[in-house]
C-alpha atoms as a PDB file:
ATOM      1  CA  MET A   1      29.437  -4.723  27.059  1.00  0.00           C
ATOM      2  CA  SER A   2      32.268  -2.107  27.596  1.00  0.00           C
ATOM      3  CA  CYS A   3      34.259  -4.616  29.485  1.00  0.00           C
ATOM      4  CA  ILE A   4      34.185  -7.277  26.634  1.00  0.00           C
ATOM      5  CA  ARG A   5      35.271  -4.488  24.132  1.00  0.00           C
ATOM      6  CA  ASN A   6      38.120  -3.189  26.436  1.00  0.00           C
ATOM      7  CA  GLY A   7      39.457  -6.812  26.901  1.00  0.00           C
ATOM      8  CA  VAL A   8      38.667  -6.787  30.895  1.00  0.00           C
ATOM      9  CA  SER A   9      35.649  -8.967  31.059  1.00  0.00           C
ATOM     10  CA  LYS A  10      35.237 -12.000  33.309  1.00  0.00           C
ATOM     11  CA  LEU A  11      35.654 -14.211  30.276  1.00  0.00           C
ATOM     12  CA  ASN A  12      38.723 -16.381  30.732  1.00  0.00           C
ATOM     13  CA  HIS A  13      40.505 -15.160  27.896  1.00  0.00           C
ATOM     14  CA  ASP A  14      40.748 -11.506  29.202  1.00  0.00           C
ATOM     15  CA  LEU A  15      41.335 -12.973  32.945  1.00  0.00           C
ATOM     16  CA  PHE A  16      44.365 -14.951  31.303  1.00  0.00           C
ATOM     17  CA  LYS A  17      45.448 -12.192  29.327  1.00  0.00           C
ATOM     18  CA  ASN A  18      45.452  -9.857  32.544  1.00  0.00           C
ATOM     19  CA  HIS A  19      47.288 -12.376  34.681  1.00  0.00           C
ATOM     20  CA  VAL A  20      44.303 -13.233  36.929  1.00  0.00           C
ATOM     21  CA  THR A  21      43.888 -16.857  35.634  1.00  0.00           C
ATOM     22  CA  GLU A  22      46.540 -19.676  34.535  1.00  0.00           C
ATOM     23  CA  GLU A  23      44.213 -20.654  31.490  1.00  0.00           C
ATOM     24  CA  PRO A  24      42.373 -19.061  28.890  1.00  0.00           C
ATOM     25  CA  SER A  25      39.900 -22.195  28.282  1.00  0.00           C
ATOM     26  CA  CYS A  26      36.268 -22.098  28.614  1.00  0.00           C
ATOM     27  CA  ARG A  27      34.318 -24.482  30.620  1.00  0.00           C
ATOM     28  CA  CYS A  28      32.859 -26.175  27.687  1.00  0.00           C
ATOM     29  CA  GLY A  29      36.277 -27.481  26.802  1.00  0.00           C
ATOM     30  CA  HIS A  30      37.111 -24.992  24.013  1.00  0.00           C
ATOM     31  CA  ALA A  31      40.597 -23.569  24.092  1.00  0.00           C
ATOM     32  CA  GLU A  32      39.886 -19.989  24.560  1.00  0.00           C
ATOM     33  CA  GLU A  33      36.705 -18.361  26.030  1.00  0.00           C
ATOM     34  CA  THR A  34      36.814 -15.351  23.791  1.00  0.00           C
ATOM     35  CA  ALA A  35      34.112 -12.764  23.085  1.00  0.00           C
ATOM     36  CA  PHE A  36      33.289 -14.339  19.969  1.00  0.00           C
ATOM     37  CA  HIS A  37      33.331 -17.663  21.521  1.00  0.00           C
ATOM     38  CA  TYR A  38      31.155 -16.711  24.095  1.00  0.00           C
ATOM     39  CA  PHE A  39      28.545 -15.003  22.018  1.00  0.00           C
ATOM     40  CA  PHE A  40      28.488 -17.240  18.808  1.00  0.00           C
ATOM     41  CA  GLU A  41      29.907 -20.647  19.502  1.00  0.00           C
ATOM     42  CA  CYS A  42      29.780 -21.771  23.105  1.00  0.00           C
ATOM     43  CA  LEU A  43      27.363 -24.826  23.512  1.00  0.00           C
ATOM     44  CA  ARG A  44      26.714 -23.628  27.091  1.00  0.00           C
ATOM     45  CA  TYR A  45      24.826 -20.663  26.130  1.00  0.00           C
ATOM     46  CA  THR A  46      23.131 -21.896  22.773  1.00  0.00           C
ATOM     47  CA  VAL A  47      19.663 -21.570  24.147  1.00  0.00           C
ATOM     48  CA  TYR A  48      19.968 -18.142  25.747  1.00  0.00           C
ATOM     49  CA  ARG A  49      21.848 -17.147  22.259  1.00  0.00           C
ATOM     50  CA  ASP A  50      18.883 -18.494  20.502  1.00  0.00           C
ATOM     51  CA  VAL A  51      16.424 -16.438  22.576  1.00  0.00           C
ATOM     52  CA  MET A  52      18.624 -13.482  22.047  1.00  0.00           C
ATOM     53  CA  PHE A  53      18.858 -13.640  18.310  1.00  0.00           C
ATOM     54  CA  ASN A  54      15.092 -14.412  17.863  1.00  0.00           C
ATOM     55  CA  LYS A  55      14.353 -11.201  19.882  1.00  0.00           C
ATOM     56  CA  ILE A  56      16.585  -9.216  17.708  1.00  0.00           C
ATOM     57  CA  ILE A  57      14.927 -10.632  14.502  1.00  0.00           C
ATOM     58  CA  GLY A  58      11.581  -9.815  15.923  1.00  0.00           C
ATOM     59  CA  ILE A  59      12.628  -6.280  16.458  1.00  0.00           C
ATOM     60  CA  GLY A  60      13.508  -6.106  13.121  1.00  0.00           C
ATOM     61  CA  ARG A  61      10.001  -7.213  11.885  1.00  0.00           C
ATOM     62  CA  ASP A  62       8.632  -4.646  14.217  1.00  0.00           C
ATOM     63  CA  VAL A  63      10.251  -1.673  12.872  1.00  0.00           C
ATOM     64  CA  HIS A  64       8.047   0.229  10.353  1.00  0.00           C
ATOM     65  CA  LEU A  65       9.880   3.182   8.561  1.00  0.00           C
ATOM     66  CA  ASN A  66       7.705   5.931   7.298  1.00  0.00           C
ATOM     67  CA  ILE A  67       9.700   7.329   4.520  1.00  0.00           C
ATOM     68  CA  ASP A  68       6.846   9.488   2.998  1.00  0.00           C
ATOM     69  CA  THR A  69       7.797  13.000   3.923  1.00  0.00           C
END
């Protein structure tokens, strides 16, 4: 995650920006493989994204705060 935040990930947008690849495009056909595209838009990762979001939602349901002190 820190690589993505620092702009040195293996995403094509970062590789292009750092002069490692010739194009920033995603293999799905999107113009740029940015972190936002990777996490929220890319059709190649829809199933994985749905699993991740469902787990996050599940964590929220399992949290029981006891505010009675």
